[in-house]
Amino acid sequence: MAKTFASFKDVGNQLENHHYADAAELYRAALKMQPGNAAASMGLAMVHNRTGQPEAALKLLQGVWKAIANSKNKGVKIK
């Protein structure tokens, strides 16, 4: 059953309450709406890490780090 993404606070609550499947579904929904969203990627990485999937977590985090590095190389200023 698909859930509507409400806010990162809501999905964070799912994660902190150990509702990992629900949290993963919400983070994936956020990524579907906004591919490359670093917060959603890091949240999904936390789900993977907490559910014994460190390789999947690392892959997501490496993607975030690569995106950050690429944005710095393009002269994007982060305030």
C-alpha atoms as a PDB file:
ATOM      1  CA  MET A   1       0.000   0.000   0.000  1.00  0.00           C
ATOM      2  CA  ALA A   2       1.487   3.334  -1.047  1.00  0.00           C
ATOM      3  CA  LYS A   3       1.683   6.068   1.535  1.00  0.00           C
ATOM      4  CA  THR A   4       1.682   9.800   0.927  1.00  0.00           C
ATOM      5  CA  PHE A   5       4.868  11.556   1.920  1.00  0.00           C
ATOM      6  CA  ALA A   6       3.988  14.102   4.600  1.00  0.00           C
ATOM      7  CA  SER A   7       7.279  15.467   5.943  1.00  0.00           C
ATOM      8  CA  PHE A   8      10.765  14.405   6.872  1.00  0.00           C
ATOM      9  CA  LYS A   9       9.754  14.812  10.511  1.00  0.00           C
ATOM     10  CA  ASP A  10       6.972  12.247  10.043  1.00  0.00           C
ATOM     11  CA  VAL A  11       9.221   9.763   8.291  1.00  0.00           C
ATOM     12  CA  GLY A  12      11.925  10.375  10.894  1.00  0.00           C
ATOM     13  CA  ASN A  13       9.409   9.416  13.566  1.00  0.00           C
ATOM     14  CA  GLN A  14       8.746   6.153  11.706  1.00  0.00           C
ATOM     15  CA  LEU A  15      12.476   5.478  11.677  1.00  0.00           C
ATOM     16  CA  GLU A  16      12.966   6.280  15.343  1.00  0.00           C
ATOM     17  CA  ASN A  17      10.005   4.086  16.300  1.00  0.00           C
ATOM     18  CA  HIS A  18      11.621   1.163  14.450  1.00  0.00           C
ATOM     19  CA  HIS A  19       8.969   1.117  11.710  1.00  0.00           C
ATOM     20  CA  TYR A  20      11.666   0.513   9.132  1.00  0.00           C
ATOM     21  CA  ALA A  21       9.466  -0.748   6.296  1.00  0.00           C
ATOM     22  CA  ASP A  22       7.193   2.291   6.594  1.00  0.00           C
ATOM     23  CA  ALA A  23      10.152   4.662   6.805  1.00  0.00           C
ATOM     24  CA  ALA A  24      11.813   3.089   3.765  1.00  0.00           C
ATOM     25  CA  GLU A  25       8.577   3.367   1.778  1.00  0.00           C
ATOM     26  CA  LEU A  26       8.232   7.057   2.666  1.00  0.00           C
ATOM     27  CA  TYR A  27      11.881   7.843   1.863  1.00  0.00           C
ATOM     28  CA  ARG A  28      11.503   6.058  -1.494  1.00  0.00           C
ATOM     29  CA  ALA A  29       8.348   8.067  -2.214  1.00  0.00           C
ATOM     30  CA  ALA A  30      10.265  11.264  -1.497  1.00  0.00           C
ATOM     31  CA  LEU A  31      13.062  10.158  -3.823  1.00  0.00           C
ATOM     32  CA  LYS A  32      10.535   9.359  -6.525  1.00  0.00           C
ATOM     33  CA  MET A  33       9.136  12.888  -6.249  1.00  0.00           C
ATOM     34  CA  GLN A  34      12.572  14.469  -6.019  1.00  0.00           C
ATOM     35  CA  PRO A  35      15.383  12.202  -7.244  1.00  0.00           C
ATOM     36  CA  GLY A  36      18.699  13.088  -5.688  1.00  0.00           C
ATOM     37  CA  ASN A  37      17.188  14.508  -2.501  1.00  0.00           C
ATOM     38  CA  ALA A  38      20.097  14.182  -0.081  1.00  0.00           C
ATOM     39  CA  ALA A  39      17.952  14.101   3.067  1.00  0.00           C
ATOM     40  CA  ALA A  40      15.800  11.276   1.713  1.00  0.00           C
ATOM     41  CA  SER A  41      18.872   9.373   0.535  1.00  0.00           C
ATOM     42  CA  MET A  42      20.534   9.702   3.928  1.00  0.00           C
ATOM     43  CA  GLY A  43      17.332   8.633   5.673  1.00  0.00           C
ATOM     44  CA  LEU A  44      17.004   5.577   3.469  1.00  0.00           C
ATOM     45  CA  ALA A  45      20.681   4.830   4.156  1.00  0.00           C
ATOM     46  CA  MET A  46      19.899   4.883   7.895  1.00  0.00           C
ATOM     47  CA  VAL A  47      17.076   2.399   7.320  1.00  0.00           C
ATOM     48  CA  HIS A  48      19.434   0.102   5.414  1.00  0.00           C
ATOM     49  CA  ASN A  49      22.082   0.388   8.113  1.00  0.00           C
ATOM     50  CA  ARG A  50      19.635  -0.320  10.939  1.00  0.00           C
ATOM     51  CA  THR A  51      18.226  -3.348   9.121  1.00  0.00           C
ATOM     52  CA  GLY A  52      21.601  -4.994   8.569  1.00  0.00           C
ATOM     53  CA  GLN A  53      22.245  -3.771   5.024  1.00  0.00           C
ATOM     54  CA  PRO A  54      25.387  -1.644   5.407  1.00  0.00           C
ATOM     55  CA  GLU A  55      26.441  -2.136   1.773  1.00  0.00           C
ATOM     56  CA  ALA A  56      23.178  -0.617   0.521  1.00  0.00           C
ATOM     57  CA  ALA A  57      23.560   2.234   3.020  1.00  0.00           C
ATOM     58  CA  LEU A  58      27.102   2.920   1.871  1.00  0.00           C
ATOM     59  CA  LYS A  59      26.057   2.953  -1.792  1.00  0.00           C
ATOM     60  CA  LEU A  60      23.415   5.609  -1.086  1.00  0.00           C
ATOM     61  CA  LEU A  61      25.815   7.713   0.975  1.00  0.00           C
ATOM     62  CA  GLN A  62      28.476   7.530  -1.708  1.00  0.00           C
ATOM     63  CA  GLY A  63      25.906   8.884  -4.166  1.00  0.00           C
ATOM     64  CA  VAL A  64      25.179  11.811  -1.836  1.00  0.00           C
ATOM     65  CA  TRP A  65      28.888  12.543  -1.375  1.00  0.00           C
ATOM     66  CA  LYS A  66      29.445  12.389  -5.141  1.00  0.00           C
ATOM     67  CA  ALA A  67      26.577  14.827  -5.737  1.00  0.00           C
ATOM     68  CA  ILE A  68      28.014  17.202  -3.134  1.00  0.00           C
ATOM     69  CA  ALA A  69      31.467  17.005  -4.683  1.00  0.00           C
ATOM     70  CA  ASN A  70      30.040  17.623  -8.160  1.00  0.00           C
ATOM     71  CA  SER A  71      28.064  20.638  -6.974  1.00  0.00           C
ATOM     72  CA  LYS A  72      31.180  22.137  -5.386  1.00  0.00           C
ATOM     73  CA  ASN A  73      33.090  21.609  -8.611  1.00  0.00           C
ATOM     74  CA  LYS A  74      30.402  23.497 -10.535  1.00  0.00           C
ATOM     75  CA  GLY A  75      30.719  26.531  -8.309  1.00  0.00           C
ATOM     76  CA  VAL A  76      27.404  26.049  -6.529  1.00  0.00           C
ATOM     77  CA  LYS A  77      27.409  28.010  -3.285  1.00  0.00           C
ATOM     78  CA  ILE A  78      25.772  26.362  -0.293  1.00  0.00           C
ATOM     79  CA  LYS A  79      24.622  28.836   2.329  1.00  0.00           C
END
